Amino acid sequence: MTHAIHEHLFIAFGLIAFLILTMMAVTSWAFLYKRFASWHKLFYLAMVFVMIHFLLAQKSISFEYIVYI
């Protein structure tokens, strides 16, 4: 699996974004949110990683793909 991550960089960006969003889903309960509220600002970083993941996953980048972002 690590070979695939090194060969295809978009997998790493997608995996990091997925882990950040999973952490947010786990800590979004009311009693955990107070403790981890500052971590929820990582959402913006996750969205940047999702956009990079999307662009790197395309075989060729065109204006149409950029419009989706």
C-alpha atoms as a PDB file:
ATOM      1  CA  MET A   1       0.000   0.000   0.000  1.00  0.00           C
ATOM      2  CA  THR A   2       2.810   2.419   0.741  1.00  0.00           C
ATOM      3  CA  HIS A   3       4.099   1.897  -2.802  1.00  0.00           C
ATOM      4  CA  ALA A   4       0.726   3.026  -4.153  1.00  0.00           C
ATOM      5  CA  ILE A   5       0.781   6.115  -1.940  1.00  0.00           C
ATOM      6  CA  HIS A   6       4.274   7.058  -3.096  1.00  0.00           C
ATOM      7  CA  GLU A   7       3.393   6.404  -6.727  1.00  0.00           C
ATOM      8  CA  HIS A   8       0.047   8.220  -6.655  1.00  0.00           C
ATOM      9  CA  LEU A   9       0.262  11.333  -4.500  1.00  0.00           C
ATOM     10  CA  PHE A  10      -3.488  11.979  -4.764  1.00  0.00           C
ATOM     11  CA  ILE A  11      -4.100   8.930  -2.552  1.00  0.00           C
ATOM     12  CA  ALA A  12      -2.140  10.546   0.281  1.00  0.00           C
ATOM     13  CA  PHE A  13      -4.112  13.799   0.043  1.00  0.00           C
ATOM     14  CA  GLY A  14      -7.404  11.895  -0.003  1.00  0.00           C
ATOM     15  CA  LEU A  15      -6.381   9.726   2.938  1.00  0.00           C
ATOM     16  CA  ILE A  16      -5.340  12.707   5.066  1.00  0.00           C
ATOM     17  CA  ALA A  17      -8.594  14.516   4.261  1.00  0.00           C
ATOM     18  CA  PHE A  18     -10.573  11.376   5.115  1.00  0.00           C
ATOM     19  CA  LEU A  19      -8.797  11.024   8.476  1.00  0.00           C
ATOM     20  CA  ILE A  20      -9.428  14.682   9.368  1.00  0.00           C
ATOM     21  CA  LEU A  21     -13.113  14.400   8.466  1.00  0.00           C
ATOM     22  CA  THR A  22     -13.436  11.108  10.372  1.00  0.00           C
ATOM     23  CA  MET A  23     -11.896  12.725  13.452  1.00  0.00           C
ATOM     24  CA  MET A  24     -14.397  15.560  13.133  1.00  0.00           C
ATOM     25  CA  ALA A  25     -17.313  13.133  12.878  1.00  0.00           C
ATOM     26  CA  VAL A  26     -16.199  11.276  16.001  1.00  0.00           C
ATOM     27  CA  THR A  27     -15.700  14.446  18.039  1.00  0.00           C
ATOM     28  CA  SER A  28     -18.827  16.257  16.910  1.00  0.00           C
ATOM     29  CA  TRP A  29     -20.932  14.990  19.817  1.00  0.00           C
ATOM     30  CA  ALA A  30     -21.888  17.802  22.214  1.00  0.00           C
ATOM     31  CA  PHE A  31     -19.798  16.550  25.120  1.00  0.00           C
ATOM     32  CA  LEU A  32     -16.706  16.035  22.933  1.00  0.00           C
ATOM     33  CA  TYR A  33     -17.132  19.141  20.788  1.00  0.00           C
ATOM     34  CA  LYS A  34     -16.300  21.463  23.689  1.00  0.00           C
ATOM     35  CA  ARG A  35     -12.960  19.739  24.156  1.00  0.00           C
ATOM     36  CA  PHE A  36     -12.098  19.455  20.450  1.00  0.00           C
ATOM     37  CA  ALA A  37     -13.642  22.655  19.071  1.00  0.00           C
ATOM     38  CA  SER A  38     -10.270  24.024  18.013  1.00  0.00           C
ATOM     39  CA  TRP A  39      -9.580  20.823  16.044  1.00  0.00           C
ATOM     40  CA  HIS A  40     -12.688  21.456  13.980  1.00  0.00           C
ATOM     41  CA  LYS A  41     -10.856  24.311  12.287  1.00  0.00           C
ATOM     42  CA  LEU A  42      -8.925  21.600  10.437  1.00  0.00           C
ATOM     43  CA  PHE A  43     -12.022  21.297   8.255  1.00  0.00           C
ATOM     44  CA  TYR A  44     -10.651  24.043   6.026  1.00  0.00           C
ATOM     45  CA  LEU A  45      -7.377  22.167   5.598  1.00  0.00           C
ATOM     46  CA  ALA A  46      -9.320  19.004   4.767  1.00  0.00           C
ATOM     47  CA  MET A  47     -11.247  20.839   2.061  1.00  0.00           C
ATOM     48  CA  VAL A  48      -7.998  22.070   0.498  1.00  0.00           C
ATOM     49  CA  PHE A  49      -6.720  18.477   0.525  1.00  0.00           C
ATOM     50  CA  VAL A  50      -9.949  17.289  -1.104  1.00  0.00           C
ATOM     51  CA  MET A  51      -9.539  19.845  -3.892  1.00  0.00           C
ATOM     52  CA  ILE A  52      -5.896  18.844  -4.431  1.00  0.00           C
ATOM     53  CA  HIS A  53      -6.924  15.175  -4.375  1.00  0.00           C
ATOM     54  CA  PHE A  54      -9.579  15.832  -7.012  1.00  0.00           C
ATOM     55  CA  LEU A  55      -7.206  17.712  -9.316  1.00  0.00           C
ATOM     56  CA  LEU A  56      -4.389  15.176  -9.000  1.00  0.00           C
ATOM     57  CA  ALA A  57      -6.760  12.260  -9.657  1.00  0.00           C
ATOM     58  CA  GLN A  58      -7.612  13.621 -13.114  1.00  0.00           C
ATOM     59  CA  LYS A  59      -5.536  12.462 -16.074  1.00  0.00           C
ATOM     60  CA  SER A  60      -5.589  15.962 -17.529  1.00  0.00           C
ATOM     61  CA  ILE A  61      -6.668  19.176 -15.868  1.00  0.00           C
ATOM     62  CA  SER A  62      -9.087  21.263 -17.885  1.00  0.00           C
ATOM     63  CA  PHE A  63     -11.229  24.300 -17.179  1.00  0.00           C
ATOM     64  CA  GLU A  64     -14.246  22.051 -16.575  1.00  0.00           C
ATOM     65  CA  TYR A  65     -12.553  20.355 -13.606  1.00  0.00           C
ATOM     66  CA  ILE A  66     -11.548  23.690 -12.094  1.00  0.00           C
ATOM     67  CA  VAL A  67     -15.168  24.882 -12.322  1.00  0.00           C
ATOM     68  CA  TYR A  68     -16.218  21.918 -10.137  1.00  0.00           C
ATOM     69  CA  ILE A  69     -13.946  23.164  -7.397  1.00  0.00           C
END
